[in-house]
Amino acid sequence: MPCLTSSARSTAADERLQRRQHESQAIVDALDEWLRAERAKLSRSSPVAEPIDYILKRWDGFGRRSWLFAGSDRGADRAAFMATLIMSAKLNDIDPPAWLADVLALIADTLITRLEQLLPWNWKNNQPVEKAIAA
């Protein structure tokens, strides 16, 4: 998955938007092609055919209104929140799965006044969060 480089981060917002749209369009086009090819191989009774048919019937709305696939407004809010945290980790040169695994392991025992120490820009890749919290 492409991630913005430091040179891309220093460009104007409208340029970054155009770049993201261009890069994501290639991914969406490849997904469309793959879904249609895989669907052509499946029988009507295949359990995978139904979800593929569902998204292909709604393909025009995919991307533009992708939060509709979250199931509810609350689900969309949660998905947007998680996407923001994951992208924040990437922009801070942090491996999102490592950060998320560490944070999920520690969050229940973290005081509410110290939750900000679990945010990506405060998390150190080589330093366990529990040491940062104890400090």
Protein backbone atom coordinates (compact mmCIF):
# COMPACT_ATOMS: atom_id res chain seq x y z
CA MET A 1 0.00 0.00 0.00
CA PRO A 2 1.55 3.34 -0.98
CA CYS A 3 2.36 5.74 1.82
CA LEU A 4 3.21 9.39 1.48
CA THR A 5 6.91 10.07 1.54
CA SER A 6 8.39 13.03 3.36
CA SER A 7 8.62 14.90 0.04
CA ALA A 8 4.91 14.29 -0.56
CA ARG A 9 4.10 15.55 2.94
CA SER A 10 5.77 18.86 2.13
CA THR A 11 3.59 19.50 -0.94
CA ALA A 12 0.40 21.53 -0.96
CA ALA A 13 -2.79 19.85 0.28
CA ASP A 14 -4.47 19.93 -3.14
CA GLU A 15 -1.43 18.26 -4.72
CA ARG A 16 -1.48 15.53 -2.05
CA LEU A 17 -5.19 15.01 -2.66
CA GLN A 18 -4.63 14.61 -6.40
CA ARG A 19 -1.80 12.15 -5.76
CA ARG A 20 -3.91 10.09 -3.33
CA GLN A 21 -6.81 10.03 -5.77
CA HIS A 22 -4.53 8.95 -8.61
CA GLU A 23 -2.82 6.23 -6.57
CA SER A 24 -6.04 4.96 -5.04
CA GLN A 25 -7.80 4.88 -8.41
CA ALA A 26 -5.23 2.37 -9.68
CA ILE A 27 -5.87 0.17 -6.63
CA VAL A 28 -9.66 0.45 -7.01
CA ASP A 29 -9.44 -0.38 -10.73
CA ALA A 30 -7.31 -3.45 -9.98
CA LEU A 31 -9.79 -4.56 -7.31
CA ASP A 32 -12.70 -4.16 -9.74
CA GLU A 33 -10.90 -6.20 -12.38
CA TRP A 34 -9.99 -8.92 -9.86
CA LEU A 35 -13.53 -9.12 -8.42
CA ARG A 36 -15.07 -9.45 -11.87
CA ALA A 37 -12.54 -12.13 -12.91
CA GLU A 38 -13.06 -14.12 -9.70
CA ARG A 39 -16.85 -13.79 -9.94
CA ALA A 40 -16.77 -15.20 -13.47
CA LYS A 41 -15.13 -18.36 -12.08
CA LEU A 42 -17.79 -18.94 -9.40
CA SER A 43 -21.12 -20.73 -9.61
CA ARG A 44 -24.33 -19.06 -8.42
CA SER A 45 -24.39 -21.28 -5.35
CA SER A 46 -20.90 -20.38 -4.21
CA PRO A 47 -20.94 -18.71 -0.77
CA VAL A 48 -18.43 -16.12 -2.03
CA ALA A 49 -20.59 -15.14 -5.01
CA GLU A 50 -23.16 -13.28 -2.90
CA PRO A 51 -20.76 -10.77 -1.29
CA ILE A 52 -18.97 -10.20 -4.60
CA ASP A 53 -22.31 -9.58 -6.33
CA TYR A 54 -23.27 -7.21 -3.51
CA ILE A 55 -20.23 -4.98 -3.96
CA LEU A 56 -20.31 -5.13 -7.77
CA LYS A 57 -23.94 -3.97 -7.79
CA ARG A 58 -22.90 -0.99 -5.64
CA TRP A 59 -19.58 -0.35 -7.35
CA ASP A 60 -20.40 3.23 -8.39
CA GLY A 61 -20.87 4.19 -4.75
CA PHE A 62 -17.74 2.38 -3.59
CA GLY A 63 -14.99 4.81 -2.56
CA ARG A 64 -17.18 7.87 -2.74
CA ARG A 65 -19.45 6.55 -0.03
CA SER A 66 -17.37 3.70 1.31
CA TRP A 67 -18.43 4.40 4.89
CA LEU A 68 -21.85 3.02 3.94
CA PHE A 69 -20.23 -0.40 4.11
CA ALA A 70 -19.54 0.09 7.82
CA GLY A 71 -23.06 -1.06 8.68
CA SER A 72 -24.10 1.95 10.76
CA ASP A 73 -23.17 5.53 11.53
CA ARG A 74 -21.53 4.37 14.75
CA GLY A 75 -19.55 1.73 12.86
CA ALA A 76 -18.47 4.33 10.31
CA ASP A 77 -17.32 6.66 13.11
CA ARG A 78 -15.27 3.86 14.65
CA ALA A 79 -13.79 2.88 11.29
CA ALA A 80 -12.84 6.50 10.57
CA PHE A 81 -11.28 6.80 14.03
CA MET A 82 -9.19 3.65 13.52
CA ALA A 83 -8.15 4.70 10.02
CA THR A 84 -7.00 8.04 11.43
CA LEU A 85 -4.92 6.35 14.13
CA ILE A 86 -3.36 3.91 11.66
CA MET A 87 -2.47 6.67 9.22
CA SER A 88 -1.06 8.73 12.10
CA ALA A 89 1.19 5.80 12.98
CA LYS A 90 2.37 5.54 9.36
CA LEU A 91 3.05 9.28 9.16
CA ASN A 92 5.14 9.00 12.33
CA ASP A 93 7.20 6.17 10.78
CA ILE A 94 5.71 3.60 13.15
CA ASP A 95 4.68 0.09 12.17
CA PRO A 96 0.88 0.21 12.73
CA PRO A 97 0.44 -3.49 13.68
CA ALA A 98 3.30 -3.32 16.22
CA TRP A 99 1.97 -0.09 17.69
CA LEU A 100 -1.63 -1.31 17.78
CA ALA A 101 -0.70 -4.65 19.39
CA ASP A 102 1.33 -2.88 22.05
CA VAL A 103 -1.38 -0.31 22.75
CA LEU A 104 -4.14 -2.93 22.93
CA ALA A 105 -2.07 -4.93 25.41
CA LEU A 106 -1.58 -1.89 27.64
CA ILE A 107 -4.67 0.28 27.30
CA ALA A 108 -6.79 -1.47 29.95
CA ASP A 109 -4.15 -0.81 32.62
CA THR A 110 -3.40 2.76 31.54
CA LEU A 111 -4.76 5.62 33.58
CA ILE A 112 -7.09 7.87 31.62
CA THR A 113 -4.78 10.80 32.34
CA ARG A 114 -1.97 8.94 30.58
CA LEU A 115 -3.78 7.73 27.47
CA GLU A 116 -2.08 10.38 25.35
CA GLN A 117 1.18 8.52 25.89
CA LEU A 118 -0.25 5.67 23.81
CA LEU A 119 -0.82 7.88 20.75
CA PRO A 120 1.44 7.15 17.79
CA TRP A 121 3.55 10.32 18.05
CA ASN A 122 4.34 9.53 21.70
CA TRP A 123 5.06 5.83 21.17
CA LYS A 124 8.64 4.72 20.67
CA ASN A 125 9.23 1.72 18.43
CA ASN A 126 12.19 0.43 20.44
CA GLN A 127 10.81 1.35 23.84
CA PRO A 128 7.83 -0.53 25.26
CA VAL A 129 4.96 1.78 26.09
CA GLU A 130 4.83 0.48 29.65
CA LYS A 131 8.25 2.10 30.32
CA ALA A 132 7.01 5.38 28.86
CA ILE A 133 3.87 5.22 31.00
CA ALA A 134 5.82 4.48 34.19
CA ALA A 135 7.98 7.56 33.63
